[in-house]
N, C-alpha and C. Protein backbone atom coordinates (compact mmCIF):
# COMPACT_ATOMS: atom_id res chain seq x y z
N MET A 1 -47.76 45.65 11.39
CA MET A 1 -48.61 44.62 10.81
C MET A 1 -49.84 45.28 10.21
N SER A 2 -50.04 46.18 9.61
CA SER A 2 -51.25 46.91 9.23
C SER A 2 -52.50 46.03 9.14
N TYR A 3 -53.62 46.66 9.16
CA TYR A 3 -54.90 45.97 9.06
C TYR A 3 -55.50 46.35 7.72
N ALA A 4 -55.61 45.39 6.80
CA ALA A 4 -56.15 45.65 5.45
C ALA A 4 -55.41 46.81 4.79
N HIS A 5 -54.09 46.79 4.88
CA HIS A 5 -53.21 47.80 4.26
C HIS A 5 -53.40 49.20 4.84
N THR A 6 -53.88 49.29 6.06
CA THR A 6 -54.03 50.57 6.75
C THR A 6 -53.27 50.48 8.07
N GLU A 7 -52.45 51.49 8.35
CA GLU A 7 -51.69 51.50 9.59
C GLU A 7 -52.63 51.60 10.79
N VAL A 8 -52.33 50.83 11.82
CA VAL A 8 -53.04 50.93 13.09
C VAL A 8 -52.05 51.53 14.10
N ALA A 9 -52.47 52.63 14.73
CA ALA A 9 -51.60 53.31 15.69
C ALA A 9 -52.37 53.56 16.98
N GLN A 10 -51.64 53.52 18.08
CA GLN A 10 -52.22 53.85 19.38
C GLN A 10 -51.65 55.18 19.84
N ILE A 11 -52.47 55.93 20.56
CA ILE A 11 -52.01 57.20 21.10
C ILE A 11 -52.53 57.34 22.53
N ALA A 12 -51.63 57.72 23.44
CA ALA A 12 -52.00 57.85 24.86
C ALA A 12 -50.97 58.71 25.57
N ALA A 13 -51.38 59.24 26.71
CA ALA A 13 -50.46 59.90 27.63
C ALA A 13 -50.42 59.04 28.88
N ILE A 14 -49.21 58.72 29.35
CA ILE A 14 -49.07 57.80 30.48
C ILE A 14 -48.11 58.38 31.52
N SER A 15 -48.39 58.04 32.77
CA SER A 15 -47.50 58.45 33.87
C SER A 15 -46.33 57.47 33.96
N ARG A 16 -45.41 57.74 34.87
CA ARG A 16 -44.28 56.82 35.07
C ARG A 16 -44.77 55.43 35.44
N ASN A 17 -45.88 55.35 36.19
CA ASN A 17 -46.42 54.04 36.58
C ASN A 17 -47.53 53.59 35.61
N ARG A 18 -47.49 54.11 34.39
CA ARG A 18 -48.32 53.70 33.25
C ARG A 18 -49.78 54.06 33.38
N CYS A 19 -50.14 54.93 34.32
CA CYS A 19 -51.53 55.33 34.51
C CYS A 19 -51.99 56.19 33.32
N ILE A 20 -53.21 55.90 32.85
CA ILE A 20 -53.81 56.71 31.78
C ILE A 20 -55.13 57.34 32.24
N GLY A 21 -55.64 56.91 33.38
CA GLY A 21 -56.93 57.44 33.81
C GLY A 21 -57.19 57.26 35.29
N LYS A 22 -58.05 58.15 35.77
CA LYS A 22 -58.47 58.12 37.17
C LYS A 22 -59.90 58.63 37.21
N ASP A 23 -60.82 57.82 37.72
CA ASP A 23 -62.24 58.19 37.78
C ASP A 23 -62.78 58.57 36.40
N ASN A 24 -62.37 57.81 35.39
CA ASN A 24 -62.79 58.01 33.99
C ASN A 24 -62.44 59.40 33.45
N GLU A 25 -61.31 59.93 33.91
CA GLU A 25 -60.77 61.19 33.40
C GLU A 25 -59.27 61.05 33.28
N MET A 26 -58.68 61.93 32.44
CA MET A 26 -57.22 61.98 32.39
C MET A 26 -56.74 62.64 33.68
N PRO A 27 -55.64 62.14 34.26
CA PRO A 27 -55.19 62.68 35.55
C PRO A 27 -54.42 64.00 35.43
N TRP A 28 -54.39 64.62 34.25
CA TRP A 28 -53.69 65.88 34.03
C TRP A 28 -54.30 66.58 32.83
N HIS A 29 -53.93 67.83 32.67
CA HIS A 29 -54.32 68.58 31.47
C HIS A 29 -53.05 69.22 30.91
N LEU A 30 -52.62 68.73 29.77
CA LEU A 30 -51.42 69.25 29.11
C LEU A 30 -51.82 69.75 27.72
N SER A 31 -51.86 71.06 27.57
CA SER A 31 -52.33 71.65 26.31
C SER A 31 -51.54 71.15 25.10
N GLU A 32 -50.23 71.08 25.23
CA GLU A 32 -49.40 70.65 24.10
C GLU A 32 -49.68 69.19 23.72
N ASP A 33 -49.96 68.36 24.70
CA ASP A 33 -50.30 66.97 24.43
C ASP A 33 -51.64 66.89 23.69
N LEU A 34 -52.62 67.67 24.11
CA LEU A 34 -53.93 67.67 23.43
C LEU A 34 -53.81 68.19 22.00
N GLN A 35 -52.97 69.19 21.80
CA GLN A 35 -52.74 69.71 20.44
C GLN A 35 -52.08 68.65 19.56
N ARG A 36 -51.15 67.92 20.13
CA ARG A 36 -50.48 66.85 19.38
C ARG A 36 -51.46 65.74 19.04
N PHE A 37 -52.32 65.38 19.98
CA PHE A 37 -53.35 64.38 19.74
C PHE A 37 -54.21 64.78 18.55
N LYS A 38 -54.67 66.01 18.55
CA LYS A 38 -55.51 66.48 17.44
C LYS A 38 -54.74 66.47 16.12
N ALA A 39 -53.51 66.94 16.14
CA ALA A 39 -52.71 66.99 14.91
C ALA A 39 -52.46 65.59 14.35
N LEU A 40 -52.18 64.63 15.22
CA LEU A 40 -51.88 63.28 14.74
C LEU A 40 -53.13 62.55 14.27
N THR A 41 -54.25 62.76 14.93
CA THR A 41 -55.45 61.99 14.58
C THR A 41 -56.27 62.62 13.46
N THR A 42 -55.81 63.76 12.95
CA THR A 42 -56.42 64.36 11.75
C THR A 42 -55.32 64.49 10.71
N GLU A 43 -55.54 63.90 9.53
CA GLU A 43 -54.46 63.91 8.55
C GLU A 43 -54.85 64.50 7.20
N ASN A 44 -56.08 64.30 6.74
CA ASN A 44 -56.47 64.77 5.41
C ASN A 44 -57.18 66.11 5.57
N LYS A 45 -56.40 67.19 5.60
CA LYS A 45 -56.94 68.52 5.92
C LYS A 45 -57.86 69.08 4.85
N ASP A 46 -57.88 68.49 3.66
CA ASP A 46 -58.72 68.99 2.57
C ASP A 46 -60.10 68.34 2.56
N SER A 47 -60.42 67.58 3.57
CA SER A 47 -61.66 66.82 3.59
C SER A 47 -62.47 67.16 4.84
N ASP A 48 -63.78 66.90 4.77
CA ASP A 48 -64.62 67.08 5.95
C ASP A 48 -64.23 66.09 7.03
N ILE A 49 -63.90 64.86 6.62
CA ILE A 49 -63.44 63.83 7.56
C ILE A 49 -61.93 63.73 7.43
N GLN A 50 -61.24 63.94 8.55
CA GLN A 50 -59.78 64.03 8.51
C GLN A 50 -59.09 62.93 9.29
N GLY A 51 -59.83 61.98 9.84
CA GLY A 51 -59.19 60.92 10.61
C GLY A 51 -60.21 59.89 11.07
N ILE A 52 -59.68 58.80 11.65
CA ILE A 52 -60.50 57.72 12.18
C ILE A 52 -59.97 57.36 13.56
N VAL A 53 -60.87 57.34 14.55
CA VAL A 53 -60.50 56.94 15.90
C VAL A 53 -61.41 55.81 16.37
N ILE A 54 -60.83 54.88 17.12
CA ILE A 54 -61.57 53.79 17.74
C ILE A 54 -61.37 53.90 19.24
N MET A 55 -62.49 53.82 19.97
CA MET A 55 -62.41 53.95 21.43
C MET A 55 -63.44 53.05 22.09
N GLY A 56 -63.20 52.77 23.35
CA GLY A 56 -64.19 52.07 24.14
C GLY A 56 -65.26 53.02 24.63
N ARG A 57 -66.34 52.47 25.12
CA ARG A 57 -67.47 53.27 25.59
C ARG A 57 -67.06 54.23 26.71
N LYS A 58 -66.27 53.76 27.68
CA LYS A 58 -65.89 54.63 28.80
C LYS A 58 -65.04 55.81 28.32
N THR A 59 -64.17 55.57 27.34
CA THR A 59 -63.37 56.66 26.79
C THR A 59 -64.29 57.68 26.13
N PHE A 60 -65.25 57.21 25.35
CA PHE A 60 -66.22 58.11 24.71
C PHE A 60 -66.96 58.94 25.77
N GLU A 61 -67.40 58.29 26.82
CA GLU A 61 -68.13 59.00 27.86
C GLU A 61 -67.23 59.96 28.64
N SER A 62 -65.94 59.65 28.74
CA SER A 62 -65.01 60.55 29.44
C SER A 62 -64.82 61.84 28.65
N MET A 63 -65.15 61.82 27.36
CA MET A 63 -65.05 63.02 26.51
C MET A 63 -66.41 63.73 26.44
N GLY A 64 -67.27 63.47 27.39
CA GLY A 64 -68.57 64.11 27.41
C GLY A 64 -69.57 63.47 26.45
N ALA A 65 -69.29 62.24 26.01
CA ALA A 65 -70.14 61.53 25.05
C ALA A 65 -70.37 62.35 23.79
N LYS A 66 -69.30 63.06 23.38
CA LYS A 66 -69.35 63.85 22.15
C LYS A 66 -68.29 63.31 21.18
N PRO A 67 -68.69 62.99 19.95
CA PRO A 67 -67.72 62.51 18.98
C PRO A 67 -66.65 63.57 18.69
N LEU A 68 -65.44 63.11 18.39
CA LEU A 68 -64.39 64.04 18.02
C LEU A 68 -64.71 64.62 16.64
N PRO A 69 -64.62 65.93 16.49
CA PRO A 69 -64.98 66.54 15.21
C PRO A 69 -64.02 66.15 14.09
N LYS A 70 -64.56 66.11 12.88
CA LYS A 70 -63.81 65.86 11.64
C LYS A 70 -63.16 64.49 11.60
N ARG A 71 -63.67 63.56 12.41
CA ARG A 71 -63.15 62.19 12.44
C ARG A 71 -64.31 61.20 12.46
N PHE A 72 -64.09 60.05 11.82
CA PHE A 72 -65.00 58.93 12.03
C PHE A 72 -64.72 58.40 13.42
N ASN A 73 -65.75 58.28 14.25
CA ASN A 73 -65.61 57.83 15.63
C ASN A 73 -66.24 56.45 15.76
N PHE A 74 -65.43 55.46 16.11
CA PHE A 74 -65.94 54.12 16.39
C PHE A 74 -65.97 53.93 17.89
N ILE A 75 -67.12 53.53 18.40
CA ILE A 75 -67.29 53.30 19.83
C ILE A 75 -67.60 51.81 20.00
N ILE A 76 -66.77 51.14 20.79
CA ILE A 76 -66.97 49.72 21.04
C ILE A 76 -67.66 49.55 22.40
N THR A 77 -68.80 48.88 22.37
CA THR A 77 -69.55 48.63 23.60
C THR A 77 -70.31 47.32 23.47
N SER A 78 -70.57 46.69 24.58
CA SER A 78 -71.40 45.48 24.56
C SER A 78 -72.89 45.83 24.66
N GLN A 79 -73.19 47.09 24.89
CA GLN A 79 -74.59 47.52 25.01
C GLN A 79 -75.22 47.61 23.62
N ILE A 80 -76.19 46.75 23.35
CA ILE A 80 -76.81 46.64 22.04
C ILE A 80 -77.53 47.94 21.63
N ASP A 81 -78.18 48.61 22.58
CA ASP A 81 -78.96 49.80 22.25
C ASP A 81 -78.23 51.11 22.53
N TYR A 82 -76.90 51.08 22.59
CA TYR A 82 -76.12 52.25 22.97
C TYR A 82 -76.32 53.42 22.00
N ALA A 83 -76.28 53.15 20.69
CA ALA A 83 -76.43 54.21 19.70
C ALA A 83 -77.79 54.89 19.84
N GLN A 84 -78.80 54.10 20.04
CA GLN A 84 -80.15 54.65 20.17
C GLN A 84 -80.29 55.48 21.45
N LYS A 85 -79.78 54.97 22.55
CA LYS A 85 -79.88 55.67 23.84
C LYS A 85 -79.16 57.01 23.83
N HIS A 86 -78.11 57.13 23.03
CA HIS A 86 -77.29 58.35 23.04
C HIS A 86 -77.45 59.18 21.78
N ASP A 87 -78.54 58.96 21.05
CA ASP A 87 -78.85 59.72 19.83
C ASP A 87 -77.70 59.74 18.84
N LEU A 88 -77.11 58.57 18.60
CA LEU A 88 -75.98 58.46 17.68
C LEU A 88 -76.37 57.76 16.38
N LYS A 89 -77.55 57.22 16.29
CA LYS A 89 -77.94 56.41 15.13
C LYS A 89 -77.93 57.19 13.82
N GLU A 90 -78.32 58.44 13.84
CA GLU A 90 -78.43 59.24 12.60
C GLU A 90 -77.12 59.93 12.22
N ARG A 91 -76.13 59.85 13.05
CA ARG A 91 -74.85 60.54 12.77
C ARG A 91 -74.06 59.78 11.72
N LYS A 92 -73.47 60.51 10.80
CA LYS A 92 -72.67 59.90 9.74
C LYS A 92 -71.21 59.71 10.16
N ASP A 93 -70.83 60.31 11.30
CA ASP A 93 -69.44 60.24 11.75
C ASP A 93 -69.25 59.31 12.94
N VAL A 94 -70.31 58.60 13.36
CA VAL A 94 -70.22 57.72 14.52
C VAL A 94 -70.70 56.32 14.16
N TYR A 95 -69.92 55.34 14.57
CA TYR A 95 -70.25 53.93 14.37
C TYR A 95 -70.16 53.24 15.71
N VAL A 96 -71.26 52.69 16.16
CA VAL A 96 -71.27 51.92 17.40
C VAL A 96 -71.17 50.45 17.01
N VAL A 97 -70.11 49.80 17.48
CA VAL A 97 -69.87 48.39 17.16
C VAL A 97 -69.66 47.63 18.47
N HIS A 98 -69.61 46.30 18.34
CA HIS A 98 -69.58 45.50 19.56
C HIS A 98 -68.30 44.70 19.74
N ASN A 99 -67.34 44.86 18.82
CA ASN A 99 -66.03 44.22 19.00
C ASN A 99 -64.98 44.91 18.14
N LEU A 100 -63.73 44.68 18.48
CA LEU A 100 -62.63 45.33 17.79
C LEU A 100 -62.53 44.91 16.34
N ASP A 101 -62.77 43.64 16.03
CA ASP A 101 -62.68 43.19 14.64
C ASP A 101 -63.64 43.95 13.73
N ASP A 102 -64.88 44.12 14.18
CA ASP A 102 -65.84 44.88 13.38
C ASP A 102 -65.39 46.33 13.22
N ALA A 103 -64.88 46.92 14.29
CA ALA A 103 -64.41 48.30 14.22
C ALA A 103 -63.27 48.43 13.21
N LEU A 104 -62.29 47.54 13.30
CA LEU A 104 -61.14 47.62 12.39
C LEU A 104 -61.54 47.36 10.94
N THR A 105 -62.42 46.41 10.71
CA THR A 105 -62.85 46.10 9.35
C THR A 105 -63.57 47.30 8.72
N GLN A 106 -64.52 47.86 9.45
CA GLN A 106 -65.25 49.02 8.93
C GLN A 106 -64.34 50.25 8.81
N ALA A 107 -63.47 50.44 9.79
CA ALA A 107 -62.56 51.59 9.77
C ALA A 107 -61.60 51.50 8.59
N ALA A 108 -61.08 50.31 8.30
CA ALA A 108 -60.16 50.15 7.17
C ALA A 108 -60.87 50.45 5.86
N SER A 109 -62.10 50.02 5.73
CA SER A 109 -62.87 50.31 4.53
C SER A 109 -63.09 51.82 4.37
N LEU A 110 -63.45 52.48 5.45
CA LEU A 110 -63.63 53.94 5.40
C LEU A 110 -62.31 54.66 5.12
N ALA A 111 -61.24 54.15 5.69
CA ALA A 111 -59.92 54.77 5.48
C ALA A 111 -59.56 54.75 3.99
N HIS A 112 -59.80 53.63 3.33
CA HIS A 112 -59.49 53.54 1.90
C HIS A 112 -60.32 54.56 1.12
N GLY A 113 -61.61 54.65 1.43
CA GLY A 113 -62.48 55.58 0.72
C GLY A 113 -62.15 57.03 0.98
N ALA A 114 -61.69 57.34 2.18
CA ALA A 114 -61.38 58.73 2.56
C ALA A 114 -59.90 59.07 2.36
N HIS A 115 -59.13 58.13 1.83
CA HIS A 115 -57.68 58.33 1.60
C HIS A 115 -56.94 58.67 2.90
N LEU A 116 -57.27 57.92 3.94
CA LEU A 116 -56.60 58.08 5.23
C LEU A 116 -55.66 56.90 5.43
N GLU A 117 -54.49 57.16 5.98
CA GLU A 117 -53.47 56.13 6.11
C GLU A 117 -53.47 55.43 7.46
N THR A 118 -54.12 56.02 8.47
CA THR A 118 -53.98 55.51 9.83
C THR A 118 -55.33 55.41 10.52
N ILE A 119 -55.51 54.32 11.25
CA ILE A 119 -56.63 54.14 12.17
C ILE A 119 -56.05 54.30 13.57
N TRP A 120 -56.64 55.19 14.37
CA TRP A 120 -56.11 55.49 15.70
C TRP A 120 -56.91 54.80 16.79
N ILE A 121 -56.23 54.08 17.65
CA ILE A 121 -56.81 53.49 18.85
C ILE A 121 -56.53 54.48 19.97
N ILE A 122 -57.61 55.01 20.61
CA ILE A 122 -57.40 56.09 21.58
C ILE A 122 -57.80 55.72 23.01
N GLY A 123 -58.12 54.46 23.26
CA GLY A 123 -58.36 54.03 24.64
C GLY A 123 -59.71 53.38 24.80
N GLY A 124 -59.89 52.80 25.92
CA GLY A 124 -59.10 52.78 27.12
C GLY A 124 -58.24 51.54 27.27
N GLU A 125 -58.01 51.21 28.53
CA GLU A 125 -57.05 50.17 28.90
C GLU A 125 -57.31 48.85 28.18
N ARG A 126 -58.54 48.36 28.23
CA ARG A 126 -58.84 47.07 27.61
C ARG A 126 -58.63 47.10 26.10
N LEU A 127 -59.05 48.19 25.47
CA LEU A 127 -58.90 48.31 24.01
C LEU A 127 -57.42 48.40 23.62
N PHE A 128 -56.63 49.14 24.38
CA PHE A 128 -55.19 49.20 24.08
C PHE A 128 -54.58 47.79 24.11
N ASN A 129 -54.94 47.02 25.12
CA ASN A 129 -54.43 45.64 25.22
C ASN A 129 -54.88 44.79 24.04
N GLU A 130 -56.16 44.84 23.74
CA GLU A 130 -56.72 44.00 22.69
C GLU A 130 -56.17 44.36 21.31
N ALA A 131 -55.94 45.64 21.07
CA ALA A 131 -55.50 46.10 19.75
C ALA A 131 -53.99 45.97 19.54
N MET A 132 -53.25 45.65 20.59
CA MET A 132 -51.79 45.62 20.48
C MET A 132 -51.32 44.70 19.34
N MET A 133 -51.99 43.57 19.14
CA MET A 133 -51.56 42.62 18.12
C MET A 133 -51.68 43.19 16.70
N TYR A 134 -52.50 44.21 16.50
CA TYR A 134 -52.68 44.82 15.18
C TYR A 134 -51.87 46.10 15.02
N THR A 135 -51.26 46.56 16.10
CA THR A 135 -50.66 47.89 16.15
C THR A 135 -49.30 47.94 15.47
N ASP A 136 -49.12 48.95 14.62
CA ASP A 136 -47.86 49.19 13.92
C ASP A 136 -47.01 50.27 14.62
N ARG A 137 -47.70 51.25 15.21
CA ARG A 137 -47.02 52.42 15.78
C ARG A 137 -47.73 52.82 17.05
N ILE A 138 -46.96 53.32 18.01
CA ILE A 138 -47.51 53.81 19.27
C ILE A 138 -46.93 55.20 19.53
N GLU A 139 -47.82 56.15 19.79
CA GLU A 139 -47.42 57.51 20.13
C GLU A 139 -47.76 57.73 21.60
N LEU A 140 -46.74 57.79 22.44
CA LEU A 140 -46.96 57.98 23.87
C LEU A 140 -46.40 59.33 24.33
N THR A 141 -47.16 59.97 25.18
CA THR A 141 -46.66 61.12 25.91
C THR A 141 -46.32 60.59 27.29
N HIS A 142 -45.03 60.60 27.62
CA HIS A 142 -44.57 60.14 28.93
C HIS A 142 -44.60 61.33 29.88
N VAL A 143 -45.50 61.27 30.86
CA VAL A 143 -45.67 62.36 31.82
C VAL A 143 -44.88 62.00 33.07
N ASP A 144 -44.03 62.92 33.50
CA ASP A 144 -43.10 62.66 34.59
C ASP A 144 -43.78 62.82 35.95
N THR A 145 -44.66 61.87 36.26
CA THR A 145 -45.35 61.85 37.54
C THR A 145 -45.84 60.44 37.80
N ASP A 146 -46.13 60.14 39.04
CA ASP A 146 -46.78 58.87 39.41
C ASP A 146 -48.20 59.20 39.87
N ILE A 147 -49.15 58.40 39.42
CA ILE A 147 -50.53 58.56 39.86
C ILE A 147 -50.83 57.39 40.79
N LYS A 148 -50.91 57.69 42.07
CA LYS A 148 -51.05 56.64 43.09
C LYS A 148 -52.40 55.95 43.06
N ASP A 149 -53.46 56.68 42.79
CA ASP A 149 -54.80 56.09 42.86
C ASP A 149 -55.48 56.01 41.50
N GLY A 150 -54.67 55.85 40.44
CA GLY A 150 -55.23 55.69 39.10
C GLY A 150 -55.98 54.37 38.99
N ASP A 151 -56.88 54.29 38.01
CA ASP A 151 -57.64 53.05 37.83
C ASP A 151 -57.64 52.53 36.40
N ALA A 152 -56.89 53.17 35.51
CA ALA A 152 -56.72 52.67 34.14
C ALA A 152 -55.25 52.82 33.78
N PHE A 153 -54.69 51.77 33.17
CA PHE A 153 -53.25 51.74 32.92
C PHE A 153 -52.95 51.29 31.49
N TYR A 154 -51.89 51.84 30.93
CA TYR A 154 -51.45 51.44 29.60
C TYR A 154 -50.64 50.15 29.72
N PRO A 155 -50.79 49.23 28.77
CA PRO A 155 -50.06 47.96 28.89
C PRO A 155 -48.55 48.13 28.72
N GLU A 156 -47.82 47.16 29.23
CA GLU A 156 -46.38 47.11 28.97
C GLU A 156 -46.20 46.92 27.46
N LEU A 157 -45.21 47.58 26.89
CA LEU A 157 -44.97 47.44 25.46
C LEU A 157 -44.36 46.08 25.16
N PRO A 158 -44.88 45.41 24.13
CA PRO A 158 -44.27 44.15 23.72
C PRO A 158 -42.82 44.37 23.27
N GLN A 159 -42.03 43.32 23.31
CA GLN A 159 -40.61 43.43 22.97
C GLN A 159 -40.37 43.76 21.51
N ASP A 160 -41.39 43.59 20.65
CA ASP A 160 -41.16 43.87 19.23
C ASP A 160 -41.45 45.33 18.87
N PHE A 161 -41.46 46.23 19.87
CA PHE A 161 -41.56 47.67 19.61
C PHE A 161 -40.26 48.33 20.03
N GLU A 162 -39.83 49.30 19.23
CA GLU A 162 -38.62 50.05 19.58
C GLU A 162 -38.87 51.55 19.37
N ILE A 163 -38.10 52.36 20.07
CA ILE A 163 -38.23 53.81 19.95
C ILE A 163 -37.76 54.23 18.57
N ALA A 164 -38.62 55.00 17.87
CA ALA A 164 -38.28 55.52 16.55
C ALA A 164 -37.96 57.01 16.61
N ALA A 165 -38.56 57.71 17.57
CA ALA A 165 -38.32 59.15 17.73
C ALA A 165 -38.68 59.54 19.15
N GLU A 166 -38.00 60.58 19.63
CA GLU A 166 -38.22 61.03 21.01
C GLU A 166 -37.97 62.53 21.07
N SER A 167 -38.88 63.27 21.68
CA SER A 167 -38.71 64.71 21.81
C SER A 167 -37.80 65.02 23.00
N GLU A 168 -37.37 66.26 23.06
CA GLU A 168 -36.71 66.75 24.26
C GLU A 168 -37.75 66.81 25.38
N SER A 169 -37.29 66.86 26.61
CA SER A 169 -38.22 67.01 27.72
C SER A 169 -38.88 68.38 27.63
N LYS A 170 -40.18 68.43 27.90
CA LYS A 170 -40.94 69.67 27.85
C LYS A 170 -41.56 69.90 29.22
N HIS A 171 -41.99 71.14 29.46
CA HIS A 171 -42.61 71.45 30.75
C HIS A 171 -43.89 72.23 30.52
N ASP A 172 -44.95 71.84 31.24
CA ASP A 172 -46.22 72.53 31.18
C ASP A 172 -46.34 73.39 32.43
N ASP A 173 -46.35 74.71 32.25
CA ASP A 173 -46.37 75.63 33.40
C ASP A 173 -47.67 75.54 34.18
N ASN A 174 -48.80 75.32 33.50
CA ASN A 174 -50.09 75.30 34.21
C ASN A 174 -50.18 74.12 35.17
N SER A 175 -49.72 72.95 34.75
CA SER A 175 -49.80 71.76 35.62
C SER A 175 -48.51 71.53 36.39
N ASP A 176 -47.45 72.23 36.00
CA ASP A 176 -46.11 72.06 36.57
C ASP A 176 -45.60 70.63 36.37
N LEU A 177 -45.97 70.03 35.22
CA LEU A 177 -45.51 68.68 34.89
C LEU A 177 -44.56 68.71 33.71
N SER A 178 -43.57 67.84 33.77
CA SER A 178 -42.67 67.64 32.64
C SER A 178 -43.14 66.41 31.86
N PHE A 179 -42.85 66.41 30.56
CA PHE A 179 -43.29 65.30 29.71
C PHE A 179 -42.44 65.27 28.45
N LYS A 180 -42.52 64.16 27.73
CA LYS A 180 -41.87 64.08 26.42
C LYS A 180 -42.70 63.17 25.53
N PHE A 181 -42.60 63.39 24.23
CA PHE A 181 -43.30 62.59 23.24
C PHE A 181 -42.36 61.51 22.72
N VAL A 182 -42.85 60.27 22.67
CA VAL A 182 -42.04 59.16 22.17
C VAL A 182 -42.86 58.37 21.15
N THR A 183 -42.25 58.10 20.01
CA THR A 183 -42.87 57.29 18.96
C THR A 183 -42.19 55.93 18.95
N TYR A 184 -43.01 54.88 18.99
CA TYR A 184 -42.52 53.50 18.93
C TYR A 184 -43.04 52.86 17.64
N HIS A 185 -42.19 52.12 16.99
CA HIS A 185 -42.58 51.35 15.80
C HIS A 185 -42.39 49.87 16.07
N LYS A 186 -43.27 49.09 15.48
CA LYS A 186 -43.11 47.64 15.58
C LYS A 186 -41.94 47.24 14.69
N ILE A 187 -41.08 46.40 15.22
CA ILE A 187 -39.92 45.91 14.45
C ILE A 187 -40.43 44.86 13.47
N ASN A 188 -40.12 45.06 12.21
CA ASN A 188 -40.53 44.06 11.21
C ASN A 188 -39.66 42.83 11.32
N ALA A 189 -40.32 41.68 11.43
CA ALA A 189 -39.57 40.42 11.58
C ALA A 189 -38.97 39.98 10.27
């Protein structure tokens, strides 16, 4: 269902029990997954700005409150003075907004100007749920583990999504975890 003729995609790594976070951190470190995240969320390599990401405040803070380089970063928060408190007001690559509609509207406008095809929703739990109705594609890394005490979870996929591509199972020696990459597309009605 694109938003203003721009694809909306979600990207996350999830455990078997759909966990995406624990204590505002990812419950694992998978180098290949992080490399894939960077490759997918940056597309226009000939430009200073190579992608657009939308995230909630907690996700931003889980990344050390540092914007992702070479991307327009949209941070959704209900805190009116958030940009000022975190010295983000003067940055040209950061937009602090207060709802998903504003983020998507501004992101779509920037995407057209920067010749970017995709707006990426990168978390957290509430934003993934809220953005599902606008989402065209989902890129999930399925991590073969259960996180018993996780506190953030990826939503169940709606029935109108189907697997479009799936990698072979991979193994990360440092974490001793197996995982695979799966791409889901929304079925056009």
